[in-house]
Amino acid sequence: MQSSGGQISSETAWNDGAQGGAGGGGYSNQFALPSYQSIAGIKPSGAGGRGVPDVCADADPETGYQVLVDGESLVIGGTSAAAPLWSALIALINQKRNAPIGFLQPAIYGLPPSPDAFHDITSGSNGAFSAGPGWDAVTGLGSPWGVNLAAALAKASASKAT
């Protein structure tokens, strides 16, 4: 991830090559393609099923998240950083909505295409799959734009209620 003036300017799928780590992704051999992914137009390669990941966050330990642990400032990445980031974001969205969003995946795949809810990551690869426009088997729908994602989910919930 590259940023300028507090704004993300570009993101690339994480892959440090043979010397380091890379993001995961692909298609499950254990779980069938869920209806919300099928409706969204995700087509597994080969005999695969459910596409993973659904979403992403900065996983590179070099560019991850600055945290303070026992008084020491350090940068962390990977699932250990991305999962709490998403958990906190959903908690804030739930607070803003005054109700839990519930099962998130059908809600996010059901959003109308919008460049504002997610940063669509279109470059890089994990060694097996390449990032590209829309959902891909490296970065899913992309990384969140928190405020915009909250607004899109609120709008989708309001339209379902009417």
N, C-alpha and C. Protein backbone atom coordinates (compact mmCIF):
# COMPACT_ATOMS: atom_id res chain seq x y z
N MET A 1 0.85 -1.16 0.00
CA MET A 1 0.00 0.00 0.00
C MET A 1 0.90 1.23 0.00
N GLN A 2 0.52 2.21 -0.79
CA GLN A 2 1.18 3.50 -0.81
C GLN A 2 0.16 4.55 -0.41
N SER A 3 0.59 5.53 0.38
CA SER A 3 -0.33 6.59 0.76
C SER A 3 0.34 7.95 0.61
N SER A 4 -0.52 8.94 0.48
CA SER A 4 -0.05 10.31 0.35
C SER A 4 -1.09 11.22 0.98
N GLY A 5 -0.68 12.07 1.88
CA GLY A 5 -1.61 12.98 2.52
C GLY A 5 -2.72 12.29 3.28
N GLY A 6 -2.42 11.13 3.86
CA GLY A 6 -3.42 10.40 4.63
C GLY A 6 -4.41 9.62 3.78
N GLN A 7 -4.23 9.60 2.46
CA GLN A 7 -5.12 8.88 1.54
C GLN A 7 -4.34 7.76 0.86
N ILE A 8 -5.00 6.62 0.64
CA ILE A 8 -4.37 5.53 -0.10
C ILE A 8 -4.25 5.95 -1.56
N SER A 9 -3.03 5.89 -2.09
CA SER A 9 -2.83 6.25 -3.49
C SER A 9 -2.75 5.01 -4.39
N SER A 10 -2.30 3.89 -3.85
CA SER A 10 -2.28 2.65 -4.62
C SER A 10 -2.11 1.46 -3.68
N GLU A 11 -2.63 0.34 -4.14
CA GLU A 11 -2.46 -0.92 -3.41
C GLU A 11 -2.14 -2.01 -4.41
N THR A 12 -1.34 -2.97 -3.98
CA THR A 12 -0.94 -4.10 -4.80
C THR A 12 -1.09 -5.36 -3.96
N ALA A 13 -1.48 -6.45 -4.60
CA ALA A 13 -1.55 -7.72 -3.89
C ALA A 13 -0.18 -8.02 -3.29
N TRP A 14 -0.17 -8.53 -2.06
CA TRP A 14 1.08 -8.75 -1.36
C TRP A 14 1.75 -10.04 -1.83
N ASN A 15 3.02 -9.92 -2.24
CA ASN A 15 3.82 -11.07 -2.60
C ASN A 15 5.28 -10.65 -2.53
N ASP A 16 5.96 -11.14 -1.49
CA ASP A 16 7.38 -10.83 -1.33
C ASP A 16 8.27 -11.87 -2.01
N GLY A 17 7.67 -12.75 -2.81
CA GLY A 17 8.44 -13.74 -3.56
C GLY A 17 8.98 -14.84 -2.68
N ALA A 18 9.98 -15.54 -3.18
CA ALA A 18 10.53 -16.70 -2.49
C ALA A 18 11.14 -16.36 -1.14
N GLN A 19 11.55 -15.10 -0.95
CA GLN A 19 12.20 -14.70 0.28
C GLN A 19 11.23 -14.35 1.41
N GLY A 20 9.96 -14.20 1.10
CA GLY A 20 9.01 -13.74 2.11
C GLY A 20 7.66 -14.38 1.94
N GLY A 21 6.65 -13.68 2.39
CA GLY A 21 5.30 -14.21 2.34
C GLY A 21 4.51 -13.66 1.18
N ALA A 22 3.28 -14.13 1.09
CA ALA A 22 2.35 -13.67 0.07
C ALA A 22 0.94 -13.87 0.59
N GLY A 23 0.01 -13.14 0.00
CA GLY A 23 -1.39 -13.32 0.35
C GLY A 23 -1.88 -14.67 -0.15
N GLY A 24 -2.94 -15.14 0.46
CA GLY A 24 -3.54 -16.40 0.03
C GLY A 24 -4.59 -16.14 -1.03
N GLY A 25 -5.49 -17.10 -1.17
CA GLY A 25 -6.59 -16.94 -2.10
C GLY A 25 -6.72 -18.10 -3.03
N GLY A 26 -7.85 -18.15 -3.70
CA GLY A 26 -8.12 -19.22 -4.64
C GLY A 26 -9.56 -19.66 -4.55
N TYR A 27 -9.77 -20.95 -4.76
CA TYR A 27 -11.11 -21.53 -4.75
C TYR A 27 -11.10 -22.79 -3.89
N SER A 28 -12.10 -22.95 -3.07
CA SER A 28 -12.16 -24.07 -2.14
C SER A 28 -12.46 -25.38 -2.86
N ASN A 29 -11.80 -26.43 -2.40
CA ASN A 29 -12.12 -27.78 -2.85
C ASN A 29 -13.10 -28.44 -1.89
N GLN A 30 -13.40 -27.77 -0.76
CA GLN A 30 -14.26 -28.33 0.27
C GLN A 30 -15.65 -27.71 0.31
N PHE A 31 -15.76 -26.44 -0.06
CA PHE A 31 -17.02 -25.72 0.08
C PHE A 31 -17.52 -25.26 -1.28
N ALA A 32 -18.78 -25.52 -1.53
CA ALA A 32 -19.40 -25.13 -2.80
C ALA A 32 -19.50 -23.62 -2.90
N LEU A 33 -19.66 -23.15 -4.11
CA LEU A 33 -19.84 -21.72 -4.35
C LEU A 33 -21.16 -21.28 -3.72
N PRO A 34 -21.13 -20.34 -2.76
CA PRO A 34 -22.37 -19.89 -2.13
C PRO A 34 -23.19 -19.04 -3.11
N SER A 35 -24.48 -19.00 -2.89
CA SER A 35 -25.37 -18.27 -3.80
C SER A 35 -24.99 -16.80 -3.92
N TYR A 36 -24.57 -16.16 -2.82
CA TYR A 36 -24.22 -14.74 -2.91
C TYR A 36 -23.01 -14.50 -3.79
N GLN A 37 -22.09 -15.46 -3.88
CA GLN A 37 -20.97 -15.30 -4.81
C GLN A 37 -21.40 -15.62 -6.24
N SER A 38 -22.26 -16.60 -6.39
CA SER A 38 -22.77 -16.95 -7.72
C SER A 38 -23.53 -15.78 -8.32
N ILE A 39 -24.41 -15.16 -7.53
CA ILE A 39 -25.18 -14.01 -7.98
C ILE A 39 -24.26 -12.85 -8.37
N ALA A 40 -23.13 -12.73 -7.65
CA ALA A 40 -22.16 -11.67 -7.93
C ALA A 40 -21.30 -11.97 -9.16
N GLY A 41 -21.49 -13.14 -9.77
CA GLY A 41 -20.78 -13.47 -11.00
C GLY A 41 -19.42 -14.12 -10.81
N ILE A 42 -19.13 -14.62 -9.63
CA ILE A 42 -17.85 -15.29 -9.40
C ILE A 42 -17.91 -16.68 -10.00
N LYS A 43 -16.93 -17.00 -10.82
CA LYS A 43 -16.88 -18.29 -11.50
C LYS A 43 -15.60 -19.01 -11.10
N PRO A 44 -15.74 -20.08 -10.32
CA PRO A 44 -14.55 -20.82 -9.89
C PRO A 44 -13.78 -21.40 -11.07
N SER A 45 -12.48 -21.49 -10.91
CA SER A 45 -11.67 -22.15 -11.92
C SER A 45 -11.68 -23.64 -11.66
N GLY A 46 -11.68 -24.44 -12.69
CA GLY A 46 -11.64 -25.89 -12.55
C GLY A 46 -12.82 -26.41 -11.75
N ALA A 47 -12.53 -27.31 -10.83
CA ALA A 47 -13.57 -27.93 -10.01
C ALA A 47 -13.74 -27.21 -8.68
N GLY A 48 -13.17 -26.03 -8.56
CA GLY A 48 -13.22 -25.30 -7.30
C GLY A 48 -14.61 -24.80 -6.97
N GLY A 49 -14.78 -24.39 -5.73
CA GLY A 49 -16.05 -23.88 -5.24
C GLY A 49 -15.91 -22.46 -4.75
N ARG A 50 -16.22 -22.27 -3.47
CA ARG A 50 -16.24 -20.94 -2.86
C ARG A 50 -14.93 -20.19 -3.13
N GLY A 51 -15.07 -18.94 -3.59
CA GLY A 51 -13.90 -18.11 -3.83
C GLY A 51 -13.44 -17.45 -2.54
N VAL A 52 -12.14 -17.43 -2.33
CA VAL A 52 -11.55 -16.75 -1.18
C VAL A 52 -10.39 -15.91 -1.67
N PRO A 53 -10.19 -14.77 -1.08
CA PRO A 53 -10.87 -14.17 0.06
C PRO A 53 -12.10 -13.38 -0.39
N ASP A 54 -12.92 -13.00 0.59
CA ASP A 54 -14.05 -12.11 0.31
C ASP A 54 -13.56 -10.67 0.21
N VAL A 55 -12.67 -10.30 1.11
CA VAL A 55 -12.14 -8.94 1.22
C VAL A 55 -10.67 -9.04 1.61
N CYS A 56 -10.01 -7.91 1.69
CA CYS A 56 -8.61 -7.94 2.09
C CYS A 56 -8.27 -6.74 2.96
N ALA A 57 -7.07 -6.74 3.43
CA ALA A 57 -6.50 -5.63 4.18
C ALA A 57 -4.99 -5.74 4.01
N ASP A 58 -4.26 -4.70 4.31
CA ASP A 58 -2.81 -4.70 4.17
C ASP A 58 -2.23 -5.83 5.03
N ALA A 59 -1.57 -6.78 4.39
CA ALA A 59 -1.02 -7.93 5.10
C ALA A 59 0.49 -7.90 5.22
N ASP A 60 1.13 -7.07 4.44
CA ASP A 60 2.59 -7.03 4.41
C ASP A 60 3.12 -6.49 5.74
N PRO A 61 3.95 -7.27 6.44
CA PRO A 61 4.49 -6.79 7.72
C PRO A 61 5.37 -5.55 7.57
N GLU A 62 5.83 -5.25 6.37
CA GLU A 62 6.64 -4.05 6.15
C GLU A 62 5.79 -2.79 6.06
N THR A 63 4.57 -2.92 5.56
CA THR A 63 3.71 -1.74 5.35
C THR A 63 2.40 -1.83 6.14
N GLY A 64 2.29 -2.79 7.02
CA GLY A 64 1.05 -3.05 7.76
C GLY A 64 0.61 -1.91 8.64
N TYR A 65 0.32 -2.20 9.88
CA TYR A 65 -0.30 -1.25 10.80
C TYR A 65 0.63 -0.96 11.96
N GLN A 66 0.81 0.31 12.23
CA GLN A 66 1.64 0.72 13.36
C GLN A 66 0.84 0.57 14.63
N VAL A 67 1.37 -0.20 15.57
CA VAL A 67 0.71 -0.45 16.84
C VAL A 67 1.69 -0.19 17.98
N LEU A 68 1.15 -0.05 19.16
CA LEU A 68 1.95 0.14 20.36
C LEU A 68 1.73 -1.07 21.24
N VAL A 69 2.78 -1.85 21.49
CA VAL A 69 2.69 -3.06 22.30
C VAL A 69 3.69 -2.93 23.44
N ASP A 70 3.19 -2.95 24.67
CA ASP A 70 4.05 -2.82 25.85
C ASP A 70 4.99 -1.62 25.74
N GLY A 71 4.47 -0.51 25.23
CA GLY A 71 5.24 0.71 25.11
C GLY A 71 6.16 0.77 23.91
N GLU A 72 6.19 -0.30 23.11
CA GLU A 72 7.06 -0.33 21.94
C GLU A 72 6.23 -0.17 20.67
N SER A 73 6.63 0.76 19.81
CA SER A 73 5.96 0.99 18.53
C SER A 73 6.51 0.01 17.50
N LEU A 74 5.63 -0.71 16.83
CA LEU A 74 6.05 -1.63 15.79
C LEU A 74 4.99 -1.73 14.72
N VAL A 75 5.36 -2.29 13.57
CA VAL A 75 4.44 -2.49 12.46
C VAL A 75 4.15 -3.97 12.35
N ILE A 76 2.86 -4.32 12.25
CA ILE A 76 2.47 -5.71 12.09
C ILE A 76 1.62 -5.84 10.83
N GLY A 77 1.55 -7.04 10.31
CA GLY A 77 0.73 -7.31 9.13
C GLY A 77 0.16 -8.71 9.23
N GLY A 78 -0.32 -9.20 8.12
CA GLY A 78 -0.90 -10.54 8.05
C GLY A 78 -2.28 -10.62 8.67
N THR A 79 -2.76 -11.82 8.81
CA THR A 79 -4.09 -12.07 9.38
C THR A 79 -4.18 -11.51 10.80
N SER A 80 -3.08 -11.53 11.53
CA SER A 80 -3.07 -11.02 12.90
C SER A 80 -3.39 -9.54 12.95
N ALA A 81 -3.20 -8.83 11.86
CA ALA A 81 -3.55 -7.41 11.79
C ALA A 81 -4.87 -7.21 11.05
N ALA A 82 -5.06 -7.94 9.95
CA ALA A 82 -6.23 -7.74 9.10
C ALA A 82 -7.54 -8.15 9.79
N ALA A 83 -7.54 -9.26 10.51
CA ALA A 83 -8.77 -9.72 11.16
C ALA A 83 -9.25 -8.74 12.23
N PRO A 84 -8.39 -8.23 13.12
CA PRO A 84 -8.85 -7.23 14.09
C PRO A 84 -9.29 -5.93 13.41
N LEU A 85 -8.62 -5.55 12.31
CA LEU A 85 -9.02 -4.35 11.58
C LEU A 85 -10.47 -4.50 11.09
N TRP A 86 -10.76 -5.62 10.45
CA TRP A 86 -12.12 -5.85 9.94
C TRP A 86 -13.12 -5.97 11.09
N SER A 87 -12.73 -6.63 12.17
CA SER A 87 -13.62 -6.77 13.32
C SER A 87 -13.98 -5.40 13.89
N ALA A 88 -12.99 -4.54 14.03
CA ALA A 88 -13.23 -3.19 14.55
C ALA A 88 -14.11 -2.39 13.60
N LEU A 89 -13.86 -2.52 12.31
CA LEU A 89 -14.67 -1.80 11.32
C LEU A 89 -16.14 -2.24 11.40
N ILE A 90 -16.37 -3.53 11.49
CA ILE A 90 -17.76 -4.02 11.57
C ILE A 90 -18.40 -3.58 12.89
N ALA A 91 -17.63 -3.56 13.97
CA ALA A 91 -18.18 -3.05 15.25
C ALA A 91 -18.61 -1.59 15.12
N LEU A 92 -17.80 -0.77 14.44
CA LEU A 92 -18.16 0.63 14.23
C LEU A 92 -19.39 0.76 13.32
N ILE A 93 -19.46 -0.08 12.29
CA ILE A 93 -20.63 -0.06 11.40
C ILE A 93 -21.88 -0.46 12.18
N ASN A 94 -21.77 -1.50 13.01
CA ASN A 94 -22.91 -1.92 13.85
C ASN A 94 -23.34 -0.79 14.78
N GLN A 95 -22.38 -0.10 15.37
CA GLN A 95 -22.69 1.01 16.27
C GLN A 95 -23.41 2.13 15.51
N LYS A 96 -22.92 2.44 14.33
CA LYS A 96 -23.53 3.51 13.53
C LYS A 96 -24.96 3.14 13.12
N ARG A 97 -25.18 1.86 12.84
CA ARG A 97 -26.50 1.39 12.42
C ARG A 97 -27.46 1.17 13.60
N ASN A 98 -26.92 1.12 14.81
CA ASN A 98 -27.69 0.76 16.00
C ASN A 98 -28.28 -0.64 15.90
N ALA A 99 -27.62 -1.49 15.13
CA ALA A 99 -28.06 -2.88 14.95
C ALA A 99 -26.91 -3.67 14.32
N PRO A 100 -26.82 -4.94 14.63
CA PRO A 100 -25.77 -5.74 14.00
C PRO A 100 -26.06 -5.97 12.52
N ILE A 101 -25.03 -5.94 11.73
CA ILE A 101 -25.16 -6.19 10.30
C ILE A 101 -25.48 -7.66 10.04
N GLY A 102 -25.07 -8.53 10.95
CA GLY A 102 -25.31 -9.96 10.77
C GLY A 102 -24.31 -10.58 9.81
N PHE A 103 -24.77 -11.56 9.05
CA PHE A 103 -23.90 -12.29 8.12
C PHE A 103 -23.44 -11.33 7.03
N LEU A 104 -22.19 -10.93 7.09
CA LEU A 104 -21.67 -9.85 6.26
C LEU A 104 -21.56 -10.20 4.78
N GLN A 105 -21.14 -11.40 4.45
CA GLN A 105 -20.84 -11.71 3.06
C GLN A 105 -22.02 -11.46 2.11
N PRO A 106 -23.23 -11.95 2.38
CA PRO A 106 -24.32 -11.63 1.45
C PRO A 106 -24.56 -10.13 1.32
N ALA A 107 -24.35 -9.40 2.40
CA ALA A 107 -24.56 -7.95 2.37
C ALA A 107 -23.54 -7.26 1.47
N ILE A 108 -22.26 -7.62 1.57
CA ILE A 108 -21.26 -6.92 0.76
C ILE A 108 -21.30 -7.36 -0.70
N TYR A 109 -21.59 -8.64 -0.96
CA TYR A 109 -21.69 -9.08 -2.35
C TYR A 109 -22.96 -8.53 -3.00
N GLY A 110 -23.96 -8.18 -2.20
CA GLY A 110 -25.20 -7.64 -2.72
C GLY A 110 -25.17 -6.14 -2.97
N LEU A 111 -24.08 -5.48 -2.58
CA LEU A 111 -23.97 -4.03 -2.82
C LEU A 111 -23.87 -3.77 -4.32
N PRO A 112 -24.49 -2.68 -4.78
CA PRO A 112 -24.29 -2.32 -6.19
C PRO A 112 -22.82 -2.00 -6.42
N PRO A 113 -22.33 -2.27 -7.63
CA PRO A 113 -20.92 -1.94 -7.90
C PRO A 113 -20.65 -0.48 -7.60
N SER A 114 -19.63 -0.27 -6.80
CA SER A 114 -19.29 1.10 -6.40
C SER A 114 -17.81 1.17 -6.13
N PRO A 115 -17.14 2.14 -6.72
CA PRO A 115 -15.72 2.29 -6.43
C PRO A 115 -15.48 2.89 -5.05
N ASP A 116 -16.54 3.25 -4.34
CA ASP A 116 -16.38 3.94 -3.08
C ASP A 116 -16.39 3.04 -1.84
N ALA A 117 -16.98 1.86 -1.90
CA ALA A 117 -17.06 1.00 -0.72
C ALA A 117 -15.76 0.23 -0.49
N PHE A 118 -15.09 -0.13 -1.58
CA PHE A 118 -13.84 -0.88 -1.50
C PHE A 118 -12.82 -0.26 -2.43
N HIS A 119 -11.55 -0.35 -2.03
CA HIS A 119 -10.45 -0.03 -2.95
C HIS A 119 -10.26 -1.30 -3.79
N ASP A 120 -10.53 -1.22 -5.06
CA ASP A 120 -10.36 -2.38 -5.93
C ASP A 120 -8.89 -2.51 -6.27
N ILE A 121 -8.28 -3.60 -5.83
CA ILE A 121 -6.85 -3.82 -6.05
C ILE A 121 -6.70 -4.61 -7.34
N THR A 122 -6.04 -4.02 -8.31
CA THR A 122 -6.00 -4.61 -9.65
C THR A 122 -4.61 -5.02 -10.11
N SER A 123 -3.62 -4.92 -9.23
CA SER A 123 -2.27 -5.31 -9.64
C SER A 123 -1.65 -6.25 -8.61
N GLY A 124 -0.71 -7.05 -9.09
CA GLY A 124 -0.01 -8.00 -8.25
C GLY A 124 -0.62 -9.39 -8.32
N SER A 125 0.03 -10.33 -7.65
CA SER A 125 -0.45 -11.71 -7.62
C SER A 125 0.03 -12.37 -6.33
N ASN A 126 -0.55 -13.53 -6.05
CA ASN A 126 -0.08 -14.30 -4.90
C ASN A 126 0.78 -15.49 -5.36
N GLY A 127 1.12 -15.49 -6.63
CA GLY A 127 1.91 -16.58 -7.20
C GLY A 127 1.06 -17.58 -7.94
N ALA A 128 -0.21 -17.69 -7.58
CA ALA A 128 -1.13 -18.62 -8.25
C ALA A 128 -2.23 -17.88 -9.01
N PHE A 129 -2.66 -16.75 -8.48
CA PHE A 129 -3.74 -15.96 -9.09
C PHE A 129 -3.30 -14.51 -9.15
N SER A 130 -3.85 -13.78 -10.10
CA SER A 130 -3.53 -12.36 -10.27
C SER A 130 -4.71 -11.50 -9.85
N ALA A 131 -4.40 -10.35 -9.29
CA ALA A 131 -5.43 -9.37 -8.97
C ALA A 131 -5.93 -8.75 -10.27
N GLY A 132 -7.19 -8.33 -10.28
CA GLY A 132 -7.76 -7.70 -11.46
C GLY A 132 -9.00 -6.92 -11.07
N PRO A 133 -9.64 -6.28 -12.03
CA PRO A 133 -10.83 -5.49 -11.73
C PRO A 133 -11.96 -6.33 -11.13
N GLY A 134 -12.66 -5.77 -10.16
CA GLY A 134 -13.74 -6.49 -9.49
C GLY A 134 -13.20 -7.54 -8.54
N TRP A 135 -14.04 -8.51 -8.18
CA TRP A 135 -13.59 -9.57 -7.28
C TRP A 135 -12.50 -10.38 -7.96
N ASP A 136 -11.49 -10.76 -7.21
CA ASP A 136 -10.47 -11.69 -7.70
C ASP A 136 -10.03 -12.59 -6.57
N ALA A 137 -9.38 -13.69 -6.93
CA ALA A 137 -8.97 -14.72 -5.97
C ALA A 137 -7.69 -14.38 -5.24
N VAL A 138 -7.32 -13.11 -5.23
CA VAL A 138 -6.15 -12.65 -4.49
C VAL A 138 -6.57 -11.63 -3.43
N THR A 139 -7.40 -10.66 -3.82
CA THR A 139 -7.79 -9.58 -2.91
C THR A 139 -9.30 -9.49 -2.71
N GLY A 140 -10.05 -10.45 -3.21
CA GLY A 140 -11.51 -10.43 -3.04
C GLY A 140 -12.11 -9.17 -3.64
N LEU A 141 -13.03 -8.57 -2.91
CA LEU A 141 -13.68 -7.33 -3.36
C LEU A 141 -12.76 -6.12 -3.18
N GLY A 142 -11.69 -6.28 -2.40
CA GLY A 142 -10.73 -5.20 -2.16
C GLY A 142 -10.63 -4.86 -0.69
N SER A 143 -9.95 -3.78 -0.41
CA SER A 143 -9.80 -3.31 0.97
C SER A 143 -10.89 -2.27 1.25
N PRO A 144 -11.29 -2.14 2.52
CA PRO A 144 -12.44 -1.28 2.82
C PRO A 144 -12.13 0.21 2.81
N TRP A 145 -13.07 0.98 2.35
CA TRP A 145 -13.15 2.42 2.62
C TRP A 145 -14.21 2.51 3.68
N GLY A 146 -13.81 2.50 4.94
CA GLY A 146 -14.71 2.34 6.08
C GLY A 146 -15.96 3.18 6.06
N VAL A 147 -15.83 4.49 5.96
CA VAL A 147 -16.99 5.38 5.99
C VAL A 147 -17.92 5.08 4.81
N ASN A 148 -17.34 4.90 3.64
CA ASN A 148 -18.16 4.65 2.45
C ASN A 148 -18.81 3.27 2.50
N LEU A 149 -18.10 2.29 3.03
CA LEU A 149 -18.69 0.95 3.17
C LEU A 149 -19.86 1.01 4.14
N ALA A 150 -19.71 1.71 5.24
CA ALA A 150 -20.80 1.86 6.21
C ALA A 150 -22.01 2.51 5.55
N ALA A 151 -21.78 3.56 4.77
CA ALA A 151 -22.88 4.25 4.09
C ALA A 151 -23.56 3.34 3.07
N ALA A 152 -22.78 2.58 2.32
CA ALA A 152 -23.35 1.67 1.32
C ALA A 152 -24.18 0.58 1.98
N LEU A 153 -23.69 0.04 3.10
CA LEU A 153 -24.45 -0.99 3.82
C LEU A 153 -25.72 -0.42 4.43
N ALA A 154 -25.66 0.81 4.93
CA ALA A 154 -26.84 1.47 5.49
C ALA A 154 -27.88 1.71 4.40
N LYS A 155 -27.43 2.16 3.25
CA LYS A 155 -28.34 2.42 2.12
C LYS A 155 -28.98 1.11 1.65
N ALA A 156 -28.19 0.05 1.56
CA ALA A 156 -28.72 -1.25 1.13
C ALA A 156 -29.74 -1.77 2.14
N SER A 157 -29.45 -1.61 3.44
CA SER A 157 -30.38 -2.06 4.48
C SER A 157 -31.68 -1.26 4.42
N ALA A 158 -31.58 0.06 4.20
CA ALA A 158 -32.77 0.91 4.13
C ALA A 158 -33.64 0.54 2.93
N SER A 159 -33.01 0.23 1.79
CA SER A 159 -33.80 -0.11 0.61
C SER A 159 -34.48 -1.47 0.77
N LYS A 160 -33.86 -2.40 1.50
CA LYS A 160 -34.49 -3.70 1.77
C LYS A 160 -35.67 -3.54 2.71
N ALA A 161 -35.60 -2.57 3.62
CA ALA A 161 -36.64 -2.37 4.60
C ALA A 161 -37.89 -1.75 3.99
N THR A 162 -37.74 -1.06 2.84
CA THR A 162 -38.91 -0.40 2.25
C THR A 162 -39.57 -1.20 1.19
